[in-house]
Amino acid sequence: MDVRIVESVAMFGIGDGLLTVLLPDEHCSRWAAGPFRPIMEWCRLHPGLTRALGAVQLVACAALAASLSTEPGPAKLRSR
């Protein structure tokens, strides 16, 4: 998979994690529809745990983006 696609997914995850940390109730309420409804309702009822999960997501996605090679092309870890 191309490094730019992986980085784009990481950027999406960082944004989602940040919104979850800052606005857990509002963010979960917006996504409480269709197949996401049961999990989003649970998350809305547990804002502290939802914030913690958002923080983990934010850090994991930032670490993923930081570990990627700086060269365009196939995604691979940066050589140290």
PDB file of N, CA and C in Angstrom:
ATOM      1  N   MET A   1       0.850  -1.170   0.000  1.00  0.00           N
ATOM      2  CA  MET A   1       0.000   0.000   0.000  1.00  0.00           C
ATOM      3  C   MET A   1       0.901   1.241   0.000  1.00  0.00           C
ATOM      4  N   ASP A   2       0.490   2.266  -0.673  1.00  0.00           N
ATOM      5  CA  ASP A   2       1.267   3.491  -0.798  1.00  0.00           C
ATOM      6  C   ASP A   2       1.370   4.207   0.548  1.00  0.00           C
ATOM      7  N   VAL A   3       2.543   4.770   0.816  1.00  0.00           N
ATOM      8  CA  VAL A   3       2.794   5.459   2.079  1.00  0.00           C
ATOM      9  C   VAL A   3       1.827   6.636   2.283  1.00  0.00           C
ATOM     10  N   ARG A   4       1.419   7.270   1.199  1.00  0.00           N
ATOM     11  CA  ARG A   4       0.496   8.412   1.325  1.00  0.00           C
ATOM     12  C   ARG A   4      -0.895   7.964   1.753  1.00  0.00           C
ATOM     13  N   ILE A   5      -1.296   6.763   1.334  1.00  0.00           N
ATOM     14  CA  ILE A   5      -2.593   6.231   1.775  1.00  0.00           C
ATOM     15  C   ILE A   5      -2.539   5.910   3.264  1.00  0.00           C
ATOM     16  N   VAL A   6      -1.455   5.260   3.689  1.00  0.00           N
ATOM     17  CA  VAL A   6      -1.315   4.922   5.110  1.00  0.00           C
ATOM     18  C   VAL A   6      -1.281   6.198   5.948  1.00  0.00           C
ATOM     19  N   GLU A   7      -0.545   7.208   5.489  1.00  0.00           N
ATOM     20  CA  GLU A   7      -0.492   8.470   6.230  1.00  0.00           C
ATOM     21  C   GLU A   7      -1.860   9.154   6.250  1.00  0.00           C
ATOM     22  N   SER A   8      -2.613   9.065   5.169  1.00  0.00           N
ATOM     23  CA  SER A   8      -3.958   9.647   5.137  1.00  0.00           C
ATOM     24  C   SER A   8      -4.880   8.975   6.145  1.00  0.00           C
ATOM     25  N   VAL A   9      -4.785   7.664   6.252  1.00  0.00           N
ATOM     26  CA  VAL A   9      -5.574   6.934   7.248  1.00  0.00           C
ATOM     27  C   VAL A   9      -5.157   7.359   8.652  1.00  0.00           C
ATOM     28  N   ALA A  10      -3.856   7.533   8.875  1.00  0.00           N
ATOM     29  CA  ALA A  10      -3.365   7.993  10.178  1.00  0.00           C
ATOM     30  C   ALA A  10      -3.888   9.397  10.488  1.00  0.00           C
ATOM     31  N   MET A  11      -3.919  10.274   9.488  1.00  0.00           N
ATOM     32  CA  MET A  11      -4.437  11.632   9.708  1.00  0.00           C
ATOM     33  C   MET A  11      -5.922  11.595  10.081  1.00  0.00           C
ATOM     34  N   PHE A  12      -6.679  10.750   9.423  1.00  0.00           N
ATOM     35  CA  PHE A  12      -8.098  10.593   9.760  1.00  0.00           C
ATOM     36  C   PHE A  12      -8.235  10.107  11.207  1.00  0.00           C
ATOM     37  N   GLY A  13      -7.414   9.120  11.573  1.00  0.00           N
ATOM     38  CA  GLY A  13      -7.463   8.586  12.933  1.00  0.00           C
ATOM     39  C   GLY A  13      -7.071   9.608  13.983  1.00  0.00           C
ATOM     40  N   ILE A  14      -6.100  10.463  13.662  1.00  0.00           N
ATOM     41  CA  ILE A  14      -5.688  11.513  14.592  1.00  0.00           C
ATOM     42  C   ILE A  14      -6.840  12.494  14.804  1.00  0.00           C
ATOM     43  N   GLY A  15      -7.487  12.891  13.734  1.00  0.00           N
ATOM     44  CA  GLY A  15      -8.624  13.815  13.856  1.00  0.00           C
ATOM     45  C   GLY A  15      -9.776  13.203  14.632  1.00  0.00           C
ATOM     46  N   ASP A  16     -10.087  11.953  14.351  1.00  0.00           N
ATOM     47  CA  ASP A  16     -11.160  11.269  15.055  1.00  0.00           C
ATOM     48  C   ASP A  16     -10.813  11.119  16.532  1.00  0.00           C
ATOM     49  N   GLY A  17      -9.563  10.753  16.826  1.00  0.00           N
ATOM     50  CA  GLY A  17      -9.141  10.620  18.220  1.00  0.00           C
ATOM     51  C   GLY A  17      -9.201  11.940  18.964  1.00  0.00           C
ATOM     52  N   LEU A  18      -8.799  13.017  18.309  1.00  0.00           N
ATOM     53  CA  LEU A  18      -8.837  14.340  18.946  1.00  0.00           C
ATOM     54  C   LEU A  18     -10.274  14.770  19.251  1.00  0.00           C
ATOM     55  N   LEU A  19     -11.178  14.582  18.296  1.00  0.00           N
ATOM     56  CA  LEU A  19     -12.584  14.908  18.546  1.00  0.00           C
ATOM     57  C   LEU A  19     -13.153  14.058  19.680  1.00  0.00           C
ATOM     58  N   THR A  20     -12.747  12.805  19.744  1.00  0.00           N
ATOM     59  CA  THR A  20     -13.225  11.910  20.798  1.00  0.00           C
ATOM     60  C   THR A  20     -12.721  12.369  22.163  1.00  0.00           C
ATOM     61  N   VAL A  21     -11.478  12.831  22.225  1.00  0.00           N
ATOM     62  CA  VAL A  21     -10.923  13.320  23.495  1.00  0.00           C
ATOM     63  C   VAL A  21     -11.612  14.616  23.923  1.00  0.00           C
ATOM     64  N   LEU A  22     -11.780  15.535  22.987  1.00  0.00           N
ATOM     65  CA  LEU A  22     -12.315  16.855  23.326  1.00  0.00           C
ATOM     66  C   LEU A  22     -13.825  16.880  23.496  1.00  0.00           C
ATOM     67  N   LEU A  23     -14.549  16.145  22.662  1.00  0.00           N
ATOM     68  CA  LEU A  23     -16.013  16.210  22.645  1.00  0.00           C
ATOM     69  C   LEU A  23     -16.618  14.804  22.575  1.00  0.00           C
ATOM     70  N   PRO A  24     -16.418  13.965  23.579  1.00  0.00           N
ATOM     71  CA  PRO A  24     -16.876  12.576  23.454  1.00  0.00           C
ATOM     72  C   PRO A  24     -18.383  12.439  23.254  1.00  0.00           C
ATOM     73  N   ASP A  25     -19.179  13.193  23.995  1.00  0.00           N
ATOM     74  CA  ASP A  25     -20.632  13.070  23.884  1.00  0.00           C
ATOM     75  C   ASP A  25     -21.128  13.534  22.522  1.00  0.00           C
ATOM     76  N   GLU A  26     -20.662  14.698  22.100  1.00  0.00           N
ATOM     77  CA  GLU A  26     -21.109  15.246  20.817  1.00  0.00           C
ATOM     78  C   GLU A  26     -20.657  14.374  19.651  1.00  0.00           C
ATOM     79  N   HIS A  27     -19.391  13.966  19.689  1.00  0.00           N
ATOM     80  CA  HIS A  27     -18.845  13.159  18.590  1.00  0.00           C
ATOM     81  C   HIS A  27     -19.570  11.815  18.484  1.00  0.00           C
ATOM     82  N   CYS A  28     -19.804  11.165  19.604  1.00  0.00           N
ATOM     83  CA  CYS A  28     -20.490   9.870  19.579  1.00  0.00           C
ATOM     84  C   CYS A  28     -21.950  10.025  19.173  1.00  0.00           C
ATOM     85  N   SER A  29     -22.593  11.093  19.598  1.00  0.00           N
ATOM     86  CA  SER A  29     -23.994  11.321  19.226  1.00  0.00           C
ATOM     87  C   SER A  29     -24.147  11.486  17.715  1.00  0.00           C
ATOM     88  N   ARG A  30     -23.180  12.145  17.083  1.00  0.00           N
ATOM     89  CA  ARG A  30     -23.244  12.349  15.629  1.00  0.00           C
ATOM     90  C   ARG A  30     -23.140  11.051  14.855  1.00  0.00           C
ATOM     91  N   TRP A  31     -22.448  10.054  15.415  1.00  0.00           N
ATOM     92  CA  TRP A  31     -22.232   8.786  14.725  1.00  0.00           C
ATOM     93  C   TRP A  31     -23.186   7.701  15.188  1.00  0.00           C
ATOM     94  N   ALA A  32     -24.131   8.037  16.051  1.00  0.00           N
ATOM     95  CA  ALA A  32     -25.065   7.042  16.604  1.00  0.00           C
ATOM     96  C   ALA A  32     -26.209   6.781  15.632  1.00  0.00           C
ATOM     97  N   ALA A  33     -25.886   6.193  14.491  1.00  0.00           N
ATOM     98  CA  ALA A  33     -26.893   5.864  13.486  1.00  0.00           C
ATOM     99  C   ALA A  33     -26.480   4.582  12.785  1.00  0.00           C
ATOM    100  N   GLY A  34     -27.443   3.882  12.269  1.00  0.00           N
ATOM    101  CA  GLY A  34     -27.172   2.664  11.509  1.00  0.00           C
ATOM    102  C   GLY A  34     -26.403   1.642  12.309  1.00  0.00           C
ATOM    103  N   PRO A  35     -25.411   1.011  11.682  1.00  0.00           N
ATOM    104  CA  PRO A  35     -24.683  -0.068  12.360  1.00  0.00           C
ATOM    105  C   PRO A  35     -23.807   0.429  13.515  1.00  0.00           C
ATOM    106  N   PHE A  36     -23.508   1.729  13.553  1.00  0.00           N
ATOM    107  CA  PHE A  36     -22.667   2.277  14.616  1.00  0.00           C
ATOM    108  C   PHE A  36     -23.446   2.585  15.897  1.00  0.00           C
ATOM    109  N   ARG A  37     -24.762   2.587  15.830  1.00  0.00           N
ATOM    110  CA  ARG A  37     -25.600   3.040  16.945  1.00  0.00           C
ATOM    111  C   ARG A  37     -25.300   2.352  18.283  1.00  0.00           C
ATOM    112  N   PRO A  38     -25.267   1.018  18.365  1.00  0.00           N
ATOM    113  CA  PRO A  38     -25.052   0.393  19.681  1.00  0.00           C
ATOM    114  C   PRO A  38     -23.726   0.779  20.335  1.00  0.00           C
ATOM    115  N   ILE A  39     -22.644   0.760  19.576  1.00  0.00           N
ATOM    116  CA  ILE A  39     -21.349   1.083  20.169  1.00  0.00           C
ATOM    117  C   ILE A  39     -21.251   2.570  20.500  1.00  0.00           C
ATOM    118  N   MET A  40     -21.825   3.423  19.667  1.00  0.00           N
ATOM    119  CA  MET A  40     -21.770   4.858  19.937  1.00  0.00           C
ATOM    120  C   MET A  40     -22.627   5.238  21.141  1.00  0.00           C
ATOM    121  N   GLU A  41     -23.738   4.567  21.318  1.00  0.00           N
ATOM    122  CA  GLU A  41     -24.564   4.809  22.517  1.00  0.00           C
ATOM    123  C   GLU A  41     -23.801   4.396  23.769  1.00  0.00           C
ATOM    124  N   TRP A  42     -23.116   3.255  23.704  1.00  0.00           N
ATOM    125  CA  TRP A  42     -22.316   2.809  24.841  1.00  0.00           C
ATOM    126  C   TRP A  42     -21.221   3.829  25.135  1.00  0.00           C
ATOM    127  N   CYS A  43     -20.530   4.291  24.091  1.00  0.00           N
ATOM    128  CA  CYS A  43     -19.463   5.281  24.260  1.00  0.00           C
ATOM    129  C   CYS A  43     -19.996   6.591  24.833  1.00  0.00           C
ATOM    130  N   ARG A  44     -21.174   7.001  24.385  1.00  0.00           N
ATOM    131  CA  ARG A  44     -21.779   8.243  24.886  1.00  0.00           C
ATOM    132  C   ARG A  44     -22.082   8.143  26.379  1.00  0.00           C
ATOM    133  N   LEU A  45     -22.454   6.948  26.832  1.00  0.00           N
ATOM    134  CA  LEU A  45     -22.771   6.746  28.248  1.00  0.00           C
ATOM    135  C   LEU A  45     -21.520   6.589  29.121  1.00  0.00           C
ATOM    136  N   HIS A  46     -20.361   6.423  28.514  1.00  0.00           N
ATOM    137  CA  HIS A  46     -19.095   6.251  29.237  1.00  0.00           C
ATOM    138  C   HIS A  46     -18.059   7.246  28.703  1.00  0.00           C
ATOM    139  N   PRO A  47     -18.241   8.552  28.945  1.00  0.00           N
ATOM    140  CA  PRO A  47     -17.359   9.556  28.337  1.00  0.00           C
ATOM    141  C   PRO A  47     -15.903   9.470  28.796  1.00  0.00           C
ATOM    142  N   GLY A  48     -15.667   9.088  30.038  1.00  0.00           N
ATOM    143  CA  GLY A  48     -14.284   8.988  30.514  1.00  0.00           C
ATOM    144  C   GLY A  48     -13.510   7.910  29.780  1.00  0.00           C
ATOM    145  N   LEU A  49     -14.116   6.742  29.655  1.00  0.00           N
ATOM    146  CA  LEU A  49     -13.477   5.648  28.935  1.00  0.00           C
ATOM    147  C   LEU A  49     -13.359   5.980  27.449  1.00  0.00           C
ATOM    148  N   THR A  50     -14.362   6.650  26.915  1.00  0.00           N
ATOM    149  CA  THR A  50     -14.331   7.054  25.508  1.00  0.00           C
ATOM    150  C   THR A  50     -13.178   8.019  25.264  1.00  0.00           C
ATOM    151  N   ARG A  51     -12.964   8.970  26.187  1.00  0.00           N
ATOM    152  CA  ARG A  51     -11.826   9.894  26.066  1.00  0.00           C
ATOM    153  C   ARG A  51     -10.505   9.134  26.082  1.00  0.00           C
ATOM    154  N   ALA A  52     -10.401   8.155  26.978  1.00  0.00           N
ATOM    155  CA  ALA A  52      -9.168   7.365  27.068  1.00  0.00           C
ATOM    156  C   ALA A  52      -8.916   6.595  25.768  1.00  0.00           C
ATOM    157  N   LEU A  53      -9.964   6.004  25.205  1.00  0.00           N
ATOM    158  CA  LEU A  53      -9.821   5.288  23.931  1.00  0.00           C
ATOM    159  C   LEU A  53      -9.421   6.241  22.807  1.00  0.00           C
ATOM    160  N   GLY A  54      -9.987   7.454  22.828  1.00  0.00           N
ATOM    161  CA  GLY A  54      -9.621   8.460  21.833  1.00  0.00           C
ATOM    162  C   GLY A  54      -8.158   8.864  21.948  1.00  0.00           C
ATOM    163  N   ALA A  55      -7.662   8.973  23.188  1.00  0.00           N
ATOM    164  CA  ALA A  55      -6.260   9.324  23.401  1.00  0.00           C
ATOM    165  C   ALA A  55      -5.342   8.215  22.896  1.00  0.00           C
ATOM    166  N   VAL A  56      -5.718   6.971  23.146  1.00  0.00           N
ATOM    167  CA  VAL A  56      -4.929   5.839  22.649  1.00  0.00           C
ATOM    168  C   VAL A  56      -4.906   5.853  21.115  1.00  0.00           C
ATOM    169  N   GLN A  57      -6.059   6.103  20.512  1.00  0.00           N
ATOM    170  CA  GLN A  57      -6.147   6.169  19.050  1.00  0.00           C
ATOM    171  C   GLN A  57      -5.260   7.291  18.511  1.00  0.00           C
ATOM    172  N   LEU A  58      -5.311   8.444  19.136  1.00  0.00           N
ATOM    173  CA  LEU A  58      -4.534   9.595  18.700  1.00  0.00           C
ATOM    174  C   LEU A  58      -3.033   9.276  18.739  1.00  0.00           C
ATOM    175  N   VAL A  59      -2.566   8.730  19.856  1.00  0.00           N
ATOM    176  CA  VAL A  59      -1.145   8.406  20.003  1.00  0.00           C
ATOM    177  C   VAL A  59      -0.721   7.304  19.027  1.00  0.00           C
ATOM    178  N   ALA A  60      -1.542   6.274  18.877  1.00  0.00           N
ATOM    179  CA  ALA A  60      -1.196   5.171  17.981  1.00  0.00           C
ATOM    180  C   ALA A  60      -1.097   5.647  16.532  1.00  0.00           C
ATOM    181  N   CYS A  61      -2.024   6.487  16.106  1.00  0.00           N
ATOM    182  CA  CYS A  61      -2.003   6.973  14.719  1.00  0.00           C
ATOM    183  C   CYS A  61      -0.834   7.925  14.490  1.00  0.00           C
ATOM    184  N   ALA A  62      -0.523   8.762  15.480  1.00  0.00           N
ATOM    185  CA  ALA A  62       0.640   9.649  15.354  1.00  0.00           C
ATOM    186  C   ALA A  62       1.925   8.827  15.296  1.00  0.00           C
ATOM    187  N   ALA A  63       2.017   7.774  16.100  1.00  0.00           N
ATOM    188  CA  ALA A  63       3.200   6.910  16.076  1.00  0.00           C
ATOM    189  C   ALA A  63       3.327   6.197  14.727  1.00  0.00           C
ATOM    190  N   LEU A  64       2.206   5.750  14.191  1.00  0.00           N
ATOM    191  CA  LEU A  64       2.226   5.115  12.875  1.00  0.00           C
ATOM    192  C   LEU A  64       2.756   6.087  11.828  1.00  0.00           C
ATOM    193  N   ALA A  65       2.227   7.298  11.801  1.00  0.00           N
ATOM    194  CA  ALA A  65       2.662   8.289  10.817  1.00  0.00           C
ATOM    195  C   ALA A  65       4.144   8.624  10.998  1.00  0.00           C
ATOM    196  N   ALA A  66       4.587   8.720  12.238  1.00  0.00           N
ATOM    197  CA  ALA A  66       5.993   9.047  12.499  1.00  0.00           C
ATOM    198  C   ALA A  66       6.934   7.924  12.086  1.00  0.00           C
ATOM    199  N   SER A  67       6.445   6.696  12.068  1.00  0.00           N
ATOM    200  CA  SER A  67       7.307   5.556  11.750  1.00  0.00           C
ATOM    201  C   SER A  67       7.423   5.281  10.255  1.00  0.00           C
ATOM    202  N   LEU A  68       6.621   5.960   9.447  1.00  0.00           N
ATOM    203  CA  LEU A  68       6.634   5.701   8.005  1.00  0.00           C
ATOM    204  C   LEU A  68       7.863   6.297   7.332  1.00  0.00           C
ATOM    205  N   SER A  69       8.258   5.670   6.259  1.00  0.00           N
ATOM    206  CA  SER A  69       9.351   6.174   5.438  1.00  0.00           C
ATOM    207  C   SER A  69       8.978   7.546   4.879  1.00  0.00           C
ATOM    208  N   THR A  70       9.968   8.393   4.673  1.00  0.00           N
ATOM    209  CA  THR A  70       9.716   9.724   4.103  1.00  0.00           C
ATOM    210  C   THR A  70       9.667   9.697   2.582  1.00  0.00           C
ATOM    211  N   GLU A  71      10.010   8.575   1.997  1.00  0.00           N
ATOM    212  CA  GLU A  71      10.007   8.441   0.537  1.00  0.00           C
ATOM    213  C   GLU A  71       8.629   8.048   0.029  1.00  0.00           C
ATOM    214  N   PRO A  72       8.171   8.627  -1.093  1.00  0.00           N
ATOM    215  CA  PRO A  72       6.919   8.170  -1.693  1.00  0.00           C
ATOM    216  C   PRO A  72       7.061   6.729  -2.172  1.00  0.00           C
ATOM    217  N   GLY A  73       5.957   6.038  -2.278  1.00  0.00           N
ATOM    218  CA  GLY A  73       5.976   4.664  -2.762  1.00  0.00           C
ATOM    219  C   GLY A  73       5.375   3.725  -1.742  1.00  0.00           C
ATOM    220  N   PRO A  74       5.754   2.460  -1.803  1.00  0.00           N
ATOM    221  CA  PRO A  74       5.179   1.473  -0.888  1.00  0.00           C
ATOM    222  C   PRO A  74       5.456   1.836   0.576  1.00  0.00           C
ATOM    223  N   ALA A  75       4.452   1.649   1.419  1.00  0.00           N
ATOM    224  CA  ALA A  75       4.594   1.977   2.833  1.00  0.00           C
ATOM    225  C   ALA A  75       5.569   0.998   3.481  1.00  0.00           C
ATOM    226  N   LYS A  76       6.549   1.547   4.142  1.00  0.00           N
ATOM    227  CA  LYS A  76       7.483   0.736   4.923  1.00  0.00           C
ATOM    228  C   LYS A  76       7.975   1.586   6.082  1.00  0.00           C
ATOM    229  N   LEU A  77       8.459   0.913   7.098  1.00  0.00           N
ATOM    230  CA  LEU A  77       8.936   1.631   8.271  1.00  0.00           C
ATOM    231  C   LEU A  77      10.212   2.374   7.932  1.00  0.00           C
ATOM    232  N   ARG A  78      10.376   3.502   8.587  1.00  0.00           N
ATOM    233  CA  ARG A  78      11.561   4.320   8.389  1.00  0.00           C
ATOM    234  C   ARG A  78      12.779   3.556   8.882  1.00  0.00           C
ATOM    235  N   SER A  79      13.848   3.590   8.111  1.00  0.00           N
ATOM    236  CA  SER A  79      15.082   2.949   8.569  1.00  0.00           C
ATOM    237  C   SER A  79      15.817   3.916   9.483  1.00  0.00           C
ATOM    238  N   ARG A  80      16.310   3.401  10.554  1.00  0.00           N
ATOM    239  CA  ARG A  80      16.945   4.263  11.567  1.00  0.00           C
ATOM    240  C   ARG A  80      18.428   4.293  11.363  1.00  0.00           C
TER     241      ARG A  80
END
